[in-house]
Amino acid sequence: MTDQPLSPSAQAVLDAVAAQMEGEWISPDFIPYEAKKIAAALRAAADQVVPDDGVASSIERIVEKRIRSKLLAIAAELDGIND
């Protein structure tokens, strides 16, 4: 597990998952175990919302690409929790 703190965005994602599990016992292994699943879900969402077509020909498309990039960055960070 990495010793570096998570970015505020990645931490917010994990906090949201933990909040949904309120009242349930959360194993100390929860975060590393679930992080890859959460990362996969974020990548799938990015692919569905902003497919990677390689084209950024309008302002709207450029903004969409930035959003995609940010989602994928959070997913990559969560994948790194297990490293």
Protein backbone atom coordinates (compact mmCIF):
# COMPACT_ATOMS: atom_id res chain seq x y z
CA MET A 1 0.00 0.00 0.00
CA THR A 2 1.33 3.42 -0.90
CA ASP A 3 2.36 5.75 1.91
CA GLN A 4 1.41 8.86 -0.03
CA PRO A 5 -1.86 10.54 0.89
CA LEU A 6 -4.62 10.49 -1.67
CA SER A 7 -5.64 13.55 -3.59
CA PRO A 8 -8.79 15.25 -2.30
CA SER A 9 -10.72 13.86 -5.30
CA ALA A 10 -9.67 10.25 -4.75
CA GLN A 11 -10.26 10.55 -1.00
CA ALA A 12 -13.77 11.92 -1.66
CA VAL A 13 -14.56 8.85 -3.76
CA LEU A 14 -13.41 6.48 -1.02
CA ASP A 15 -15.26 8.51 1.61
CA ALA A 16 -18.47 8.26 -0.42
CA VAL A 17 -18.14 4.47 -0.60
CA ALA A 18 -17.42 4.23 3.12
CA ALA A 19 -20.42 6.46 3.88
CA GLN A 20 -22.67 4.02 2.03
CA MET A 21 -21.38 1.28 4.29
CA GLU A 22 -22.24 3.20 7.46
CA GLY A 23 -23.16 0.84 10.23
CA GLU A 24 -21.35 -2.06 8.58
CA TRP A 25 -18.09 -3.35 9.93
CA ILE A 26 -15.31 -2.32 7.54
CA SER A 27 -12.26 -4.54 7.51
CA PRO A 28 -8.85 -2.86 7.57
CA ASP A 29 -8.32 -4.53 4.19
CA PHE A 30 -11.43 -2.86 2.75
CA ILE A 31 -9.71 0.07 1.06
CA PRO A 32 -7.03 -1.86 -0.86
CA TYR A 33 -9.49 -4.62 -1.74
CA GLU A 34 -12.25 -2.34 -2.98
CA ALA A 35 -10.06 0.37 -4.55
CA LYS A 36 -9.45 -1.63 -7.75
CA LYS A 37 -13.19 -2.25 -8.13
CA ILE A 38 -13.93 1.44 -7.62
CA ALA A 39 -11.20 2.36 -10.13
CA ALA A 40 -12.69 -0.03 -12.69
CA ALA A 41 -16.12 1.53 -12.21
CA LEU A 42 -14.69 5.03 -12.73
CA ARG A 43 -12.96 3.94 -15.95
CA ALA A 44 -16.18 2.38 -17.22
CA ALA A 45 -18.11 5.55 -16.37
CA ALA A 46 -15.53 7.68 -18.20
CA ASP A 47 -15.82 5.42 -21.25
CA GLN A 48 -19.60 5.67 -21.24
CA VAL A 49 -19.86 9.40 -20.63
CA VAL A 50 -16.91 10.55 -22.75
CA PRO A 51 -15.77 7.85 -25.18
CA ASP A 52 -12.17 8.21 -26.28
CA ASP A 53 -12.58 9.06 -29.95
CA GLY A 54 -9.33 11.02 -30.16
CA VAL A 55 -11.09 14.14 -31.45
CA ALA A 56 -11.37 17.42 -29.53
CA SER A 57 -12.71 19.79 -32.13
CA SER A 58 -14.98 22.01 -30.05
CA ILE A 59 -14.89 23.74 -26.71
CA GLU A 60 -17.50 21.32 -25.35
CA ARG A 61 -15.44 18.35 -26.49
CA ILE A 62 -12.29 19.78 -24.90
CA VAL A 63 -14.14 20.16 -21.59
CA GLU A 64 -15.44 16.59 -21.89
CA LYS A 65 -11.91 15.33 -22.50
CA ARG A 66 -10.69 17.14 -19.37
CA ILE A 67 -13.45 15.52 -17.32
CA ARG A 68 -12.52 12.12 -18.75
CA SER A 69 -8.88 12.74 -17.92
CA LYS A 70 -9.72 13.65 -14.32
CA LEU A 71 -11.86 10.52 -13.84
CA LEU A 72 -9.09 8.35 -15.25
CA ALA A 73 -6.52 10.06 -13.01
CA ILE A 74 -8.62 9.25 -9.93
CA ALA A 75 -8.95 5.64 -11.14
CA ALA A 76 -5.17 5.38 -11.61
CA GLU A 77 -4.59 6.78 -8.14
CA LEU A 78 -6.99 4.28 -6.58
CA ASP A 79 -5.28 1.45 -8.48
CA GLY A 80 -2.01 2.58 -6.87
CA ILE A 81 -3.35 2.03 -3.34
CA ASN A 82 -2.43 -1.65 -3.62
CA ASP A 83 1.13 -0.96 -4.75
